[in-house]
């Protein structure tokens, strides 16, 4: 609830410093709290609403602490999905970071088993130092809270091309409302 807002503030501040020197992005993309920063830089969110989203979303996730985790797996998304299938409903793909870099997220015990199975199969895995399962079904527990606290967020039409990691599409209209930040 502190680290994510601070990282977001650094990202948005750096973009503002660069812009003050005439460096303006041709397009933006970000992941997780980085997507909130990208939305602000793109003009799809005001700075105030961006701060609201990152602070309140981060605070809501605290309720998930202690129940789950995240693991980086050196596999393409399809391989990580196959691996996670060993724990249906307990582990899922959370983020695709590259052609052979995927993050899975879910129940802590299931992730322990997944790590052991992956290592036994020669797959490089690394625990991410969090005790919650972001970007997983665990987040459903805070959906109602997020809908309420993020209701005032006003989605804006971006002025800089903004690629959504939620949809995989360019955001070309005012889509970044409360529901978007839950998804």
Protein backbone atom coordinates (compact mmCIF):
# COMPACT_ATOMS: atom_id res chain seq x y z
CA UNK A 1 0.00 0.00 0.00
CA UNK A 2 3.09 2.25 0.06
CA UNK A 3 5.49 0.83 -2.53
CA UNK A 4 3.10 0.84 -5.48
CA UNK A 5 1.96 4.46 -5.03
CA UNK A 6 5.58 5.56 -4.60
CA UNK A 7 6.68 3.73 -7.75
CA UNK A 8 3.73 5.25 -9.62
CA UNK A 9 4.67 8.74 -8.42
CA UNK A 10 8.25 8.25 -9.60
CA UNK A 11 7.07 7.06 -13.03
CA UNK A 12 4.67 9.96 -13.52
CA UNK A 13 7.21 12.47 -12.20
CA UNK A 14 9.96 11.22 -14.50
CA UNK A 15 7.63 11.49 -17.48
CA UNK A 16 6.83 15.09 -16.47
CA UNK A 17 10.54 15.94 -16.15
CA UNK A 18 11.26 14.43 -19.56
CA UNK A 19 8.33 16.33 -21.06
CA UNK A 20 9.67 19.58 -19.57
CA UNK A 21 12.78 18.99 -21.70
CA UNK A 22 10.69 18.35 -24.81
CA UNK A 23 10.71 14.55 -24.67
CA UNK A 24 7.16 13.38 -25.37
CA UNK A 25 6.32 9.71 -25.89
CA UNK A 26 5.09 8.46 -29.25
CA UNK A 27 3.09 5.83 -27.34
CA UNK A 28 2.84 4.41 -23.82
CA UNK A 29 2.32 1.00 -22.25
CA UNK A 30 2.65 -0.19 -18.67
CA UNK A 31 1.85 -3.15 -16.49
CA UNK A 32 -0.06 -3.12 -13.17
CA UNK A 33 0.68 0.18 -11.39
CA UNK A 34 2.80 1.02 -14.45
CA UNK A 35 -0.36 0.96 -16.54
CA UNK A 36 -1.89 3.54 -14.21
CA UNK A 37 1.18 5.75 -14.79
CA UNK A 38 0.96 5.13 -18.55
CA UNK A 39 -2.72 6.18 -18.51
CA UNK A 40 -1.81 9.46 -16.80
CA UNK A 41 1.05 10.14 -19.23
CA UNK A 42 -1.30 9.34 -22.15
CA UNK A 43 -3.98 11.69 -20.81
CA UNK A 44 -6.45 8.82 -20.28
CA UNK A 45 -6.56 9.71 -16.57
CA UNK A 46 -5.94 12.93 -14.69
CA UNK A 47 -3.04 12.94 -12.23
CA UNK A 48 -5.56 13.15 -9.37
CA UNK A 49 -7.51 10.14 -10.63
CA UNK A 50 -4.29 8.23 -11.32
CA UNK A 51 -3.18 8.84 -7.73
CA UNK A 52 -6.64 7.77 -6.52
CA UNK A 53 -6.50 4.53 -8.53
CA UNK A 54 -3.00 3.52 -7.46
CA UNK A 55 -3.47 4.43 -3.79
CA UNK A 56 -6.90 2.90 -3.30
CA UNK A 57 -6.22 -0.20 -5.40
CA UNK A 58 -2.97 -0.80 -3.50
CA UNK A 59 -4.74 -0.34 -0.17
CA UNK A 60 -7.50 -2.78 -1.18
CA UNK A 61 -4.96 -5.46 -2.11
CA UNK A 62 -3.67 -5.45 1.49
CA UNK A 63 -6.78 -7.50 2.36
CA UNK A 64 -5.38 -10.29 0.17
CA UNK A 65 -2.08 -10.52 2.08
CA UNK A 66 -1.01 -13.86 3.47
CA UNK A 67 -3.18 -16.04 1.23
CA UNK A 68 -1.27 -16.25 -2.00
CA UNK A 69 1.77 -15.36 -4.00
CA UNK A 70 3.34 -14.95 -7.40
CA UNK A 71 6.05 -16.89 -9.23
CA UNK A 72 8.07 -15.94 -12.29
CA UNK A 73 8.38 -18.91 -14.65
CA UNK A 74 10.88 -19.11 -17.52
CA UNK A 75 8.28 -20.43 -19.97
CA UNK A 76 6.13 -18.96 -22.70
CA UNK A 77 2.53 -18.24 -21.71
CA UNK A 78 1.28 -21.54 -23.14
CA UNK A 79 3.83 -23.53 -21.13
CA UNK A 80 3.05 -21.62 -17.95
CA UNK A 81 -0.65 -22.18 -18.53
CA UNK A 82 -0.02 -25.92 -18.93
CA UNK A 83 2.01 -25.93 -15.72
CA UNK A 84 -0.69 -23.96 -13.82
CA UNK A 85 -3.35 -26.38 -15.08
CA UNK A 86 -2.07 -28.84 -12.49
CA UNK A 87 -3.84 -26.67 -9.89
CA UNK A 88 -7.17 -25.73 -11.50
CA UNK A 89 -8.81 -22.75 -9.84
CA UNK A 90 -5.81 -22.32 -7.53
CA UNK A 91 -3.08 -21.05 -9.90
CA UNK A 92 -3.38 -19.04 -13.11
CA UNK A 93 -1.30 -16.98 -15.49
CA UNK A 94 -1.06 -13.46 -14.09
CA UNK A 95 1.23 -11.70 -16.56
CA UNK A 96 3.06 -12.43 -19.78
CA UNK A 97 6.31 -10.49 -19.54
CA UNK A 98 8.03 -11.82 -22.65
CA UNK A 99 8.29 -14.72 -25.08
CA UNK A 100 9.71 -16.99 -22.35
CA UNK A 101 8.83 -15.11 -19.17
CA UNK A 102 5.47 -15.55 -17.51
CA UNK A 103 4.19 -14.88 -14.00
CA UNK A 104 1.72 -17.21 -12.35
CA UNK A 105 -0.32 -16.27 -9.31
CA UNK A 106 -2.54 -18.04 -6.83
CA UNK A 107 -2.80 -19.96 -3.58
CA UNK A 108 0.44 -20.10 -1.58
CA UNK A 109 0.41 -23.89 -1.07
CA UNK A 110 -0.32 -24.58 -4.72
CA UNK A 111 2.53 -22.28 -5.73
CA UNK A 112 4.91 -24.22 -3.45
CA UNK A 113 3.93 -27.41 -5.29
CA UNK A 114 4.23 -25.69 -8.67
CA UNK A 115 7.74 -24.44 -7.86
CA UNK A 116 8.82 -27.94 -6.83
CA UNK A 117 7.34 -29.49 -9.98
CA UNK A 118 8.90 -26.85 -12.24
CA UNK A 119 12.33 -27.17 -10.64
CA UNK A 120 12.15 -30.97 -10.92
CA UNK A 121 11.41 -30.53 -14.61
CA UNK A 122 14.37 -28.19 -15.11
CA UNK A 123 12.27 -25.04 -15.47
CA UNK A 124 13.76 -21.93 -13.89
CA UNK A 125 11.33 -20.34 -11.42
CA UNK A 126 11.63 -17.49 -8.95
CA UNK A 127 9.27 -16.48 -6.18
CA UNK A 128 8.25 -12.83 -6.34
CA UNK A 129 8.54 -11.24 -2.90
CA UNK A 130 4.82 -10.70 -2.27
CA UNK A 131 2.32 -12.61 -0.14
CA UNK A 132 -0.74 -11.89 -2.25
CA UNK A 133 -1.94 -13.20 -5.59
CA UNK A 134 -2.29 -10.12 -7.74
CA UNK A 135 -3.80 -10.52 -11.21
CA UNK A 136 -5.61 -13.69 -10.15
CA UNK A 137 -9.03 -14.83 -8.97
CA UNK A 138 -8.01 -13.72 -5.45
CA UNK A 139 -8.67 -10.13 -6.55
CA UNK A 140 -12.38 -10.95 -6.86
CA UNK A 141 -12.53 -10.53 -3.07
CA UNK A 142 -11.98 -6.77 -3.43
CA UNK A 143 -14.13 -6.13 -6.54
CA UNK A 144 -17.00 -4.49 -4.66
CA UNK A 145 -14.65 -2.29 -2.62
CA UNK A 146 -12.81 -1.17 -5.75
CA UNK A 147 -16.08 -0.41 -7.55
CA UNK A 148 -17.09 1.82 -4.64
CA UNK A 149 -13.83 3.67 -3.97
CA UNK A 150 -12.96 4.12 -7.65
CA UNK A 151 -16.46 5.21 -8.73
CA UNK A 152 -15.39 8.89 -8.93
CA UNK A 153 -12.67 8.11 -11.50
CA UNK A 154 -13.31 9.90 -14.80
CA UNK A 155 -12.02 8.12 -17.87
CA UNK A 156 -10.60 10.48 -20.50
CA UNK A 157 -9.76 10.06 -24.14
CA UNK A 158 -5.98 9.67 -24.40
CA UNK A 159 -3.96 12.29 -26.26
CA UNK A 160 -0.95 9.95 -26.60
CA UNK A 161 -1.43 6.44 -28.04
CA UNK A 162 -1.95 4.10 -25.08
CA UNK A 163 -1.69 0.32 -25.37
CA UNK A 164 -3.80 -1.49 -22.78
CA UNK A 165 -2.31 -4.56 -21.14
CA UNK A 166 -5.82 -5.31 -19.91
CA UNK A 167 -7.29 -5.67 -23.42
CA UNK A 168 -4.18 -5.92 -25.60
CA UNK A 169 -5.67 -3.15 -27.74
CA UNK A 170 -5.00 0.55 -28.24
CA UNK A 171 -7.19 2.69 -25.99
CA UNK A 172 -8.81 5.19 -28.35
CA UNK A 173 -11.71 6.36 -26.20
CA UNK A 174 -12.53 7.04 -22.55
CA UNK A 175 -12.28 3.46 -21.20
CA UNK A 176 -10.22 3.82 -18.03
CA UNK A 177 -13.06 3.94 -15.51
CA UNK A 178 -13.35 2.05 -12.18
CA UNK A 179 -14.26 -1.22 -13.91
CA UNK A 180 -11.19 -1.01 -16.11
CA UNK A 181 -8.88 -0.71 -13.09
CA UNK A 182 -10.51 -3.72 -11.44
CA UNK A 183 -10.08 -5.82 -14.58
